[in-house]
Amino acid sequence: MVLNAVVALGSAFFGGVALLRPQAMPGRPLDIGPHSQDEGPSQATTYFARMYAARALPFGIGTAAVALLLPGQAAAWLLVAGIIELFDAMVVMSRSPRDVAPPLLAVLIHIGSAVWLMTT
């Protein structure tokens, strides 16, 4: 459960990064055409980053809390967290394949833990 909490807090952390520094998102999501570093992120990138943060921050913190405080009730929560990370991995893969490892690791940890909890 501690590993699930660490991974979930990592996801929340990247949600915070996306909120504060949208240009740090993998593949500069939704930017079209060349941009200079001085221009900052496009409106589309900022919007996408805020939408990601709106989900990643509360869900990451919530997943960590459930894993640590209510481990007996965490199976469904971890399954949903794993599915969310799978969708994140698919989005990252389409824009920046070299950055896909962290969300795929989260998928394995969350879904693996959920299956383990449901079968024990």
Protein backbone atom coordinates (compact mmCIF):
# COMPACT_ATOMS: atom_id res chain seq x y z
CA MET A 1 0.00 0.00 0.00
CA VAL A 2 2.91 2.33 0.66
CA LEU A 3 4.15 1.84 -2.91
CA ASN A 4 0.66 2.67 -4.23
CA ALA A 5 0.61 5.81 -2.09
CA VAL A 6 4.02 6.90 -3.39
CA VAL A 7 2.98 6.34 -7.01
CA ALA A 8 -0.33 8.16 -6.46
CA LEU A 9 1.44 11.11 -4.84
CA GLY A 10 3.86 11.13 -7.77
CA SER A 11 0.89 11.48 -10.11
CA ALA A 12 -0.48 14.30 -7.95
CA PHE A 13 2.95 15.96 -8.00
CA PHE A 14 2.99 15.93 -11.81
CA GLY A 15 -0.52 17.36 -11.75
CA GLY A 16 0.90 20.24 -9.72
CA VAL A 17 3.77 20.63 -12.18
CA ALA A 18 1.26 20.69 -15.05
CA LEU A 19 -0.74 23.37 -13.26
CA LEU A 20 2.25 25.58 -12.46
CA ARG A 21 4.42 24.89 -15.55
CA PRO A 22 2.25 23.64 -18.43
CA GLN A 23 5.21 23.85 -20.79
CA ALA A 24 6.85 21.02 -18.81
CA MET A 25 4.15 18.55 -19.93
CA PRO A 26 5.53 15.72 -22.12
CA GLY A 27 5.36 16.57 -25.81
CA ARG A 28 4.05 20.11 -25.17
CA PRO A 29 0.44 18.90 -25.56
CA LEU A 30 -1.65 20.56 -28.22
CA ASP A 31 0.99 23.12 -29.22
CA ILE A 32 0.86 23.67 -32.94
CA GLY A 33 3.88 24.93 -34.82
CA PRO A 34 7.21 26.14 -33.49
CA HIS A 35 7.22 28.22 -30.33
CA SER A 36 10.08 30.05 -28.77
CA GLN A 37 10.75 29.37 -25.10
CA ASP A 38 10.02 33.04 -24.39
CA GLU A 39 6.47 32.80 -25.74
CA GLY A 40 5.36 30.34 -23.08
CA PRO A 41 2.78 27.61 -23.60
CA SER A 42 -0.15 28.02 -25.95
CA GLN A 43 -3.67 28.49 -24.59
CA ALA A 44 -4.45 24.91 -25.61
CA THR A 45 -1.48 23.55 -23.67
CA THR A 46 -2.44 25.57 -20.60
CA TYR A 47 -6.04 24.35 -20.85
CA PHE A 48 -4.98 20.70 -21.22
CA ALA A 49 -2.54 21.00 -18.30
CA ARG A 50 -5.21 22.51 -16.05
CA MET A 51 -7.65 19.75 -16.98
CA TYR A 52 -5.02 17.13 -16.18
CA ALA A 53 -4.20 18.82 -12.87
CA ALA A 54 -7.89 19.05 -11.93
CA ARG A 55 -8.02 15.26 -12.02
CA ALA A 56 -4.49 14.29 -11.00
CA LEU A 57 -4.19 16.38 -7.85
CA PRO A 58 -7.33 15.30 -5.95
CA PHE A 59 -7.37 11.74 -7.27
CA GLY A 60 -3.69 11.20 -6.53
CA ILE A 61 -4.05 12.51 -2.99
CA GLY A 62 -7.26 10.51 -2.52
CA THR A 63 -5.67 7.31 -3.79
CA ALA A 64 -2.73 7.74 -1.43
CA ALA A 65 -5.08 8.38 1.49
CA VAL A 66 -7.22 5.31 0.74
CA ALA A 67 -4.15 3.10 0.26
CA LEU A 68 -2.68 4.15 3.61
CA LEU A 69 -5.78 4.71 5.74
CA LEU A 70 -8.28 2.21 4.33
CA PRO A 71 -6.21 -0.55 2.71
CA GLY A 72 -9.01 -3.11 3.09
CA GLN A 73 -11.26 -0.93 0.93
CA ALA A 74 -8.64 0.11 -1.62
CA ALA A 75 -9.17 -2.52 -4.36
CA ALA A 76 -11.78 -0.63 -6.39
CA TRP A 77 -10.00 2.69 -5.92
CA LEU A 78 -6.68 1.20 -7.09
CA LEU A 79 -8.36 -0.43 -10.09
CA VAL A 80 -9.77 2.95 -11.16
CA ALA A 81 -6.38 4.60 -10.54
CA GLY A 82 -4.73 2.00 -12.75
CA ILE A 83 -7.25 2.56 -15.53
CA ILE A 84 -6.72 6.33 -15.34
CA GLU A 85 -2.96 5.81 -15.55
CA LEU A 86 -3.49 3.51 -18.56
CA PHE A 87 -5.34 6.30 -20.36
CA ASP A 88 -2.59 8.74 -19.35
CA ALA A 89 -0.02 6.33 -20.81
CA MET A 90 -1.95 6.14 -24.07
CA VAL A 91 -2.04 9.94 -24.34
CA VAL A 92 1.66 10.25 -23.51
CA MET A 93 2.54 7.48 -26.00
CA SER A 94 0.84 9.36 -28.82
CA ARG A 95 2.81 12.55 -28.11
CA SER A 96 6.06 11.52 -26.46
CA PRO A 97 6.75 7.75 -26.46
CA ARG A 98 9.96 8.03 -24.44
CA ASP A 99 7.96 9.43 -21.49
CA VAL A 100 5.52 6.52 -21.24
CA ALA A 101 7.39 4.46 -18.60
CA PRO A 102 6.14 6.27 -15.45
CA PRO A 103 2.41 5.93 -16.18
CA LEU A 104 2.89 2.31 -17.30
CA LEU A 105 4.69 1.55 -14.04
CA ALA A 106 1.76 3.11 -12.17
CA VAL A 107 -0.64 0.90 -14.16
CA LEU A 108 1.26 -2.24 -13.13
CA ILE A 109 1.46 -1.22 -9.47
CA HIS A 110 -2.16 -0.07 -9.08
CA ILE A 111 -3.85 -2.82 -11.10
CA GLY A 112 -1.52 -5.49 -9.74
CA SER A 113 -2.32 -4.39 -6.19
CA ALA A 114 -6.06 -4.27 -6.92
CA VAL A 115 -6.03 -7.79 -8.32
CA TRP A 116 -3.97 -9.00 -5.34
CA LEU A 117 -6.43 -7.40 -2.90
CA MET A 118 -9.43 -8.91 -4.70
CA THR A 119 -7.97 -12.42 -4.73
CA THR A 120 -6.69 -12.65 -1.17
